[in-house]
PDB file of N, CA and C in Angstrom:
ATOM      1  N   UNK A   1      -2.360 -71.131  13.386  1.00  0.00           N
ATOM      2  CA  UNK A   1      -2.787 -71.670  12.136  1.00  0.00           C
ATOM      3  C   UNK A   1      -3.313 -70.695  11.117  1.00  0.00           C
ATOM      4  N   UNK A   2      -2.752 -70.570   9.875  1.00  0.00           N
ATOM      5  CA  UNK A   2      -3.063 -69.609   8.848  1.00  0.00           C
ATOM      6  C   UNK A   2      -4.551 -69.772   8.261  1.00  0.00           C
ATOM      7  N   UNK A   3      -5.467 -68.704   8.137  1.00  0.00           N
ATOM      8  CA  UNK A   3      -6.704 -68.953   7.681  1.00  0.00           C
ATOM      9  C   UNK A   3      -6.588 -68.805   6.050  1.00  0.00           C
ATOM     10  N   UNK A   4      -7.181 -69.942   5.352  1.00  0.00           N
ATOM     11  CA  UNK A   4      -7.135 -69.999   3.904  1.00  0.00           C
ATOM     12  C   UNK A   4      -8.213 -69.074   3.498  1.00  0.00           C
ATOM     13  N   UNK A   5      -8.045 -68.648   2.120  1.00  0.00           N
ATOM     14  CA  UNK A   5      -8.986 -67.936   1.686  1.00  0.00           C
ATOM     15  C   UNK A   5      -9.676 -68.841   0.625  1.00  0.00           C
ATOM     16  N   UNK A   6     -10.787 -68.730   0.222  1.00  0.00           N
ATOM     17  CA  UNK A   6     -11.555 -69.705  -0.746  1.00  0.00           C
ATOM     18  C   UNK A   6     -10.812 -69.801  -2.058  1.00  0.00           C
ATOM     19  N   UNK A   7     -10.109 -68.364  -2.364  1.00  0.00           N
ATOM     20  CA  UNK A   7      -9.302 -68.333  -3.557  1.00  0.00           C
ATOM     21  C   UNK A   7      -7.982 -69.190  -3.622  1.00  0.00           C
ATOM     22  N   UNK A   8      -7.452 -69.360  -2.242  1.00  0.00           N
ATOM     23  CA  UNK A   8      -6.365 -70.288  -2.203  1.00  0.00           C
ATOM     24  C   UNK A   8      -6.471 -71.861  -2.513  1.00  0.00           C
ATOM     25  N   UNK A   9      -7.745 -72.246  -2.459  1.00  0.00           N
ATOM     26  CA  UNK A   9      -8.252 -73.494  -2.719  1.00  0.00           C
ATOM     27  C   UNK A   9      -8.113 -74.107  -3.950  1.00  0.00           C
ATOM     28  N   UNK A  10      -7.545 -75.335  -4.269  1.00  0.00           N
ATOM     29  CA  UNK A  10      -7.734 -76.027  -5.661  1.00  0.00           C
ATOM     30  C   UNK A  10      -9.123 -76.028  -6.170  1.00  0.00           C
ATOM     31  N   UNK A  11      -9.392 -75.959  -7.405  1.00  0.00           N
ATOM     32  CA  UNK A  11     -10.491 -76.266  -8.173  1.00  0.00           C
ATOM     33  C   UNK A  11     -11.621 -75.094  -7.978  1.00  0.00           C
ATOM     34  N   UNK A  12     -11.413 -73.985  -7.010  1.00  0.00           N
ATOM     35  CA  UNK A  12     -12.427 -73.157  -6.999  1.00  0.00           C
ATOM     36  C   UNK A  12     -11.924 -71.650  -7.687  1.00  0.00           C
ATOM     37  N   UNK A  13     -12.693 -71.473  -8.907  1.00  0.00           N
ATOM     38  CA  UNK A  13     -12.402 -70.409  -9.733  1.00  0.00           C
ATOM     39  C   UNK A  13     -13.422 -69.275  -9.484  1.00  0.00           C
ATOM     40  N   UNK A  14     -13.336 -68.301 -10.218  1.00  0.00           N
ATOM     41  CA  UNK A  14     -14.006 -67.067  -9.813  1.00  0.00           C
ATOM     42  C   UNK A  14     -15.500 -67.403  -9.887  1.00  0.00           C
ATOM     43  N   UNK A  15     -15.914 -68.025 -10.821  1.00  0.00           N
ATOM     44  CA  UNK A  15     -17.413 -68.329 -10.985  1.00  0.00           C
ATOM     45  C   UNK A  15     -18.084 -69.216  -9.795  1.00  0.00           C
ATOM     46  N   UNK A  16     -17.370 -70.254  -9.387  1.00  0.00           N
ATOM     47  CA  UNK A  16     -17.731 -71.064  -8.297  1.00  0.00           C
ATOM     48  C   UNK A  16     -17.592 -70.057  -7.071  1.00  0.00           C
ATOM     49  N   UNK A  17     -16.689 -69.378  -6.826  1.00  0.00           N
ATOM     50  CA  UNK A  17     -16.702 -68.527  -5.662  1.00  0.00           C
ATOM     51  C   UNK A  17     -17.653 -67.509  -5.609  1.00  0.00           C
ATOM     52  N   UNK A  18     -17.971 -66.944  -6.746  1.00  0.00           N
ATOM     53  CA  UNK A  18     -19.216 -66.031  -6.683  1.00  0.00           C
ATOM     54  C   UNK A  18     -20.513 -66.608  -6.179  1.00  0.00           C
ATOM     55  N   UNK A  19     -20.614 -68.052  -6.883  1.00  0.00           N
ATOM     56  CA  UNK A  19     -21.866 -68.544  -6.303  1.00  0.00           C
ATOM     57  C   UNK A  19     -21.754 -69.168  -5.088  1.00  0.00           C
ATOM     58  N   UNK A  20     -20.673 -69.368  -4.553  1.00  0.00           N
ATOM     59  CA  UNK A  20     -20.568 -69.641  -3.048  1.00  0.00           C
ATOM     60  C   UNK A  20     -20.850 -68.271  -2.288  1.00  0.00           C
ATOM     61  N   UNK A  21     -20.401 -67.419  -2.595  1.00  0.00           N
ATOM     62  CA  UNK A  21     -20.836 -65.990  -1.996  1.00  0.00           C
ATOM     63  C   UNK A  21     -22.359 -65.799  -2.055  1.00  0.00           C
ATOM     64  N   UNK A  22     -22.820 -66.077  -3.028  1.00  0.00           N
ATOM     65  CA  UNK A  22     -24.377 -65.820  -3.240  1.00  0.00           C
ATOM     66  C   UNK A  22     -25.088 -66.571  -2.403  1.00  0.00           C
ATOM     67  N   UNK A  23     -24.632 -67.649  -1.849  1.00  0.00           N
ATOM     68  CA  UNK A  23     -25.246 -68.411  -0.732  1.00  0.00           C
ATOM     69  C   UNK A  23     -24.784 -68.382   0.747  1.00  0.00           C
ATOM     70  N   UNK A  24     -24.058 -67.195   0.857  1.00  0.00           N
ATOM     71  CA  UNK A  24     -23.573 -66.966   2.122  1.00  0.00           C
ATOM     72  C   UNK A  24     -22.334 -67.794   2.466  1.00  0.00           C
ATOM     73  N   UNK A  25     -21.470 -68.319   1.518  1.00  0.00           N
ATOM     74  CA  UNK A  25     -20.413 -69.030   2.071  1.00  0.00           C
ATOM     75  C   UNK A  25     -19.014 -68.068   1.579  1.00  0.00           C
ATOM     76  N   UNK A  26     -18.475 -67.787   2.560  1.00  0.00           N
ATOM     77  CA  UNK A  26     -17.431 -66.783   2.393  1.00  0.00           C
ATOM     78  C   UNK A  26     -15.953 -67.010   2.680  1.00  0.00           C
ATOM     79  N   UNK A  27     -15.997 -68.345   3.386  1.00  0.00           N
ATOM     80  CA  UNK A  27     -14.583 -68.621   4.018  1.00  0.00           C
ATOM     81  C   UNK A  27     -14.474 -70.007   4.006  1.00  0.00           C
ATOM     82  N   UNK A  28     -13.363 -70.556   4.247  1.00  0.00           N
ATOM     83  CA  UNK A  28     -13.069 -71.927   4.076  1.00  0.00           C
ATOM     84  C   UNK A  28     -13.813 -72.525   5.233  1.00  0.00           C
ATOM     85  N   UNK A  29     -13.973 -71.924   6.345  1.00  0.00           N
ATOM     86  CA  UNK A  29     -14.872 -72.654   7.353  1.00  0.00           C
ATOM     87  C   UNK A  29     -16.365 -72.591   6.935  1.00  0.00           C
ATOM     88  N   UNK A  30     -16.840 -71.719   6.353  1.00  0.00           N
ATOM     89  CA  UNK A  30     -18.229 -71.751   5.878  1.00  0.00           C
ATOM     90  C   UNK A  30     -18.343 -72.708   5.030  1.00  0.00           C
ATOM     91  N   UNK A  31     -17.544 -73.264   4.045  1.00  0.00           N
ATOM     92  CA  UNK A  31     -17.488 -74.049   3.120  1.00  0.00           C
ATOM     93  C   UNK A  31     -17.525 -75.632   3.809  1.00  0.00           C
ATOM     94  N   UNK A  32     -16.555 -75.818   4.697  1.00  0.00           N
ATOM     95  CA  UNK A  32     -16.502 -77.077   5.420  1.00  0.00           C
ATOM     96  C   UNK A  32     -17.815 -77.363   6.262  1.00  0.00           C
ATOM     97  N   UNK A  33     -18.591 -76.256   6.712  1.00  0.00           N
ATOM     98  CA  UNK A  33     -19.826 -76.225   7.516  1.00  0.00           C
ATOM     99  C   UNK A  33     -20.883 -76.833   6.635  1.00  0.00           C
ATOM    100  N   UNK A  34     -21.031 -76.078   5.470  1.00  0.00           N
ATOM    101  CA  UNK A  34     -21.999 -76.516   4.466  1.00  0.00           C
ATOM    102  C   UNK A  34     -21.771 -77.804   3.904  1.00  0.00           C
ATOM    103  N   UNK A  35     -20.527 -78.035   3.291  1.00  0.00           N
ATOM    104  CA  UNK A  35     -20.178 -79.288   2.603  1.00  0.00           C
ATOM    105  C   UNK A  35     -20.643 -79.023   1.122  1.00  0.00           C
ATOM    106  N   UNK A  36     -19.960 -80.108   0.426  1.00  0.00           N
ATOM    107  CA  UNK A  36     -20.391 -80.080  -1.069  1.00  0.00           C
ATOM    108  C   UNK A  36     -21.724 -80.521  -1.504  1.00  0.00           C
ATOM    109  N   UNK A  37     -22.539 -81.240  -0.710  1.00  0.00           N
ATOM    110  CA  UNK A  37     -23.836 -81.587  -1.088  1.00  0.00           C
ATOM    111  C   UNK A  37     -24.641 -80.329  -0.705  1.00  0.00           C
ATOM    112  N   UNK A  38     -24.301 -79.962   0.591  1.00  0.00           N
ATOM    113  CA  UNK A  38     -25.108 -78.650   1.113  1.00  0.00           C
ATOM    114  C   UNK A  38     -24.940 -77.382   0.154  1.00  0.00           C
ATOM    115  N   UNK A  39     -23.753 -77.359  -0.406  1.00  0.00           N
ATOM    116  CA  UNK A  39     -23.501 -76.188  -1.239  1.00  0.00           C
ATOM    117  C   UNK A  39     -24.366 -76.212  -2.514  1.00  0.00           C
ATOM    118  N   UNK A  40     -24.217 -77.636  -3.190  1.00  0.00           N
ATOM    119  CA  UNK A  40     -25.094 -77.855  -4.393  1.00  0.00           C
ATOM    120  C   UNK A  40     -26.611 -77.551  -4.064  1.00  0.00           C
ATOM    121  N   UNK A  41     -27.062 -77.824  -3.109  1.00  0.00           N
ATOM    122  CA  UNK A  41     -28.462 -77.911  -2.804  1.00  0.00           C
ATOM    123  C   UNK A  41     -28.788 -76.316  -2.564  1.00  0.00           C
ATOM    124  N   UNK A  42     -28.113 -75.529  -2.012  1.00  0.00           N
ATOM    125  CA  UNK A  42     -28.287 -74.153  -1.741  1.00  0.00           C
ATOM    126  C   UNK A  42     -28.334 -73.473  -2.998  1.00  0.00           C
ATOM    127  N   UNK A  43     -27.225 -73.940  -3.821  1.00  0.00           N
ATOM    128  CA  UNK A  43     -27.075 -73.027  -5.329  1.00  0.00           C
ATOM    129  C   UNK A  43     -28.377 -73.622  -6.112  1.00  0.00           C
ATOM    130  N   UNK A  44     -28.772 -74.918  -6.049  1.00  0.00           N
ATOM    131  CA  UNK A  44     -29.986 -75.133  -7.072  1.00  0.00           C
ATOM    132  C   UNK A  44     -31.179 -74.679  -6.499  1.00  0.00           C
ATOM    133  N   UNK A  45     -31.447 -74.599  -5.211  1.00  0.00           N
ATOM    134  CA  UNK A  45     -32.514 -73.795  -4.803  1.00  0.00           C
ATOM    135  C   UNK A  45     -32.644 -72.382  -5.067  1.00  0.00           C
ATOM    136  N   UNK A  46     -31.434 -71.825  -4.944  1.00  0.00           N
ATOM    137  CA  UNK A  46     -31.487 -70.230  -5.136  1.00  0.00           C
ATOM    138  C   UNK A  46     -31.696 -69.909  -6.559  1.00  0.00           C
ATOM    139  N   UNK A  47     -31.121 -70.951  -7.412  1.00  0.00           N
ATOM    140  CA  UNK A  47     -31.298 -70.649  -8.832  1.00  0.00           C
ATOM    141  C   UNK A  47     -32.123 -71.705  -9.549  1.00  0.00           C
ATOM    142  N   UNK A  48     -33.113 -71.860  -9.158  1.00  0.00           N
ATOM    143  CA  UNK A  48     -34.032 -73.225  -9.753  1.00  0.00           C
ATOM    144  C   UNK A  48     -33.896 -73.362 -11.411  1.00  0.00           C
ATOM    145  N   UNK A  49     -34.165 -72.114 -11.955  1.00  0.00           N
ATOM    146  CA  UNK A  49     -34.050 -72.413 -13.664  1.00  0.00           C
ATOM    147  C   UNK A  49     -32.717 -72.453 -14.245  1.00  0.00           C
ATOM    148  N   UNK A  50     -31.838 -72.406 -13.466  1.00  0.00           N
ATOM    149  CA  UNK A  50     -30.404 -72.682 -14.121  1.00  0.00           C
ATOM    150  C   UNK A  50     -30.083 -74.351 -13.975  1.00  0.00           C
ATOM    151  N   UNK A  51     -29.388 -74.869 -14.950  1.00  0.00           N
ATOM    152  CA  UNK A  51     -28.784 -76.298 -14.948  1.00  0.00           C
ATOM    153  C   UNK A  51     -27.390 -76.135 -14.367  1.00  0.00           C
ATOM    154  N   UNK A  52     -27.297 -76.721 -13.291  1.00  0.00           N
ATOM    155  CA  UNK A  52     -25.878 -76.811 -12.568  1.00  0.00           C
ATOM    156  C   UNK A  52     -25.364 -78.173 -12.855  1.00  0.00           C
ATOM    157  N   UNK A  53     -24.124 -78.242 -13.201  1.00  0.00           N
ATOM    158  CA  UNK A  53     -23.332 -79.573 -13.184  1.00  0.00           C
ATOM    159  C   UNK A  53     -23.058 -80.106 -12.278  1.00  0.00           C
ATOM    160  N   UNK A  54     -23.675 -81.122 -11.574  1.00  0.00           N
ATOM    161  CA  UNK A  54     -23.820 -81.803 -10.364  1.00  0.00           C
ATOM    162  C   UNK A  54     -22.517 -82.382 -10.078  1.00  0.00           C
ATOM    163  N   UNK A  55     -21.867 -83.241 -10.662  1.00  0.00           N
ATOM    164  CA  UNK A  55     -20.590 -83.663 -10.553  1.00  0.00           C
ATOM    165  C   UNK A  55     -19.391 -82.884 -10.647  1.00  0.00           C
ATOM    166  N   UNK A  56     -19.485 -81.748 -11.593  1.00  0.00           N
ATOM    167  CA  UNK A  56     -18.494 -80.590 -11.428  1.00  0.00           C
ATOM    168  C   UNK A  56     -18.361 -80.085 -10.173  1.00  0.00           C
ATOM    169  N   UNK A  57     -19.636 -79.616  -9.686  1.00  0.00           N
ATOM    170  CA  UNK A  57     -19.593 -78.934  -8.523  1.00  0.00           C
ATOM    171  C   UNK A  57     -19.268 -79.678  -7.150  1.00  0.00           C
ATOM    172  N   UNK A  58     -19.670 -81.103  -7.115  1.00  0.00           N
ATOM    173  CA  UNK A  58     -19.507 -82.023  -5.857  1.00  0.00           C
ATOM    174  C   UNK A  58     -18.085 -82.422  -5.808  1.00  0.00           C
ATOM    175  N   UNK A  59     -17.548 -82.644  -7.139  1.00  0.00           N
ATOM    176  CA  UNK A  59     -16.029 -83.153  -7.084  1.00  0.00           C
ATOM    177  C   UNK A  59     -15.239 -81.861  -6.784  1.00  0.00           C
ATOM    178  N   UNK A  60     -15.373 -80.672  -7.276  1.00  0.00           N
ATOM    179  CA  UNK A  60     -14.424 -79.500  -7.288  1.00  0.00           C
ATOM    180  C   UNK A  60     -14.709 -79.000  -5.645  1.00  0.00           C
ATOM    181  N   UNK A  61     -15.614 -79.140  -5.265  1.00  0.00           N
ATOM    182  CA  UNK A  61     -15.721 -78.399  -3.737  1.00  0.00           C
ATOM    183  C   UNK A  61     -15.191 -79.556  -2.771  1.00  0.00           C
ATOM    184  N   UNK A  62     -15.374 -80.936  -3.099  1.00  0.00           N
ATOM    185  CA  UNK A  62     -14.775 -81.881  -2.293  1.00  0.00           C
ATOM    186  C   UNK A  62     -13.188 -81.970  -2.386  1.00  0.00           C
ATOM    187  N   UNK A  63     -12.774 -81.777  -3.611  1.00  0.00           N
ATOM    188  CA  UNK A  63     -11.638 -81.666  -3.991  1.00  0.00           C
ATOM    189  C   UNK A  63     -10.667 -80.355  -3.317  1.00  0.00           C
ATOM    190  N   UNK A  64     -11.536 -79.271  -3.181  1.00  0.00           N
ATOM    191  CA  UNK A  64     -11.112 -78.017  -2.708  1.00  0.00           C
ATOM    192  C   UNK A  64     -10.800 -78.186  -1.330  1.00  0.00           C
ATOM    193  N   UNK A  65     -11.916 -78.869  -0.521  1.00  0.00           N
ATOM    194  CA  UNK A  65     -11.663 -79.332   0.903  1.00  0.00           C
ATOM    195  C   UNK A  65     -10.490 -80.136   1.205  1.00  0.00           C
ATOM    196  N   UNK A  66     -10.017 -81.098   0.376  1.00  0.00           N
ATOM    197  CA  UNK A  66      -9.220 -82.277   0.588  1.00  0.00           C
ATOM    198  C   UNK A  66      -7.871 -81.925  -0.196  1.00  0.00           C
ATOM    199  N   UNK A  67      -7.889 -80.937  -0.814  1.00  0.00           N
ATOM    200  CA  UNK A  67      -6.645 -80.569  -1.492  1.00  0.00           C
ATOM    201  C   UNK A  67      -6.294 -81.335  -2.857  1.00  0.00           C
ATOM    202  N   UNK A  68      -7.262 -82.062  -3.300  1.00  0.00           N
ATOM    203  CA  UNK A  68      -7.173 -82.655  -4.593  1.00  0.00           C
ATOM    204  C   UNK A  68      -7.813 -82.213  -5.806  1.00  0.00           C
ATOM    205  N   UNK A  69      -7.261 -82.496  -6.794  1.00  0.00           N
ATOM    206  CA  UNK A  69      -7.915 -81.916  -8.083  1.00  0.00           C
ATOM    207  C   UNK A  69      -9.177 -82.703  -8.368  1.00  0.00           C
ATOM    208  N   UNK A  70     -10.093 -81.861  -9.064  1.00  0.00           N
ATOM    209  CA  UNK A  70     -11.594 -82.445  -9.068  1.00  0.00           C
ATOM    210  C   UNK A  70     -11.922 -83.709  -9.799  1.00  0.00           C
ATOM    211  N   UNK A  71     -10.672 -84.007 -10.692  1.00  0.00           N
ATOM    212  CA  UNK A  71     -10.960 -85.309 -11.638  1.00  0.00           C
ATOM    213  C   UNK A  71     -10.521 -86.488 -10.796  1.00  0.00           C
TER     214      UNK A  71
END
């Protein structure tokens, strides 16, 4: 089975990938392990003074994991 890079998944642009890296998510395996809700919680905890679009992040990450567009 070929390993996918985060960059190969739908819905994950440069900014989201940078934010994923900032919380220790570097691979598709990491992303699956943490999950959409876990990612959102980790990002909002790491950057508490910033406003994060919850629906956009949850939908984008879930879509990335399931191969669907975030809408």
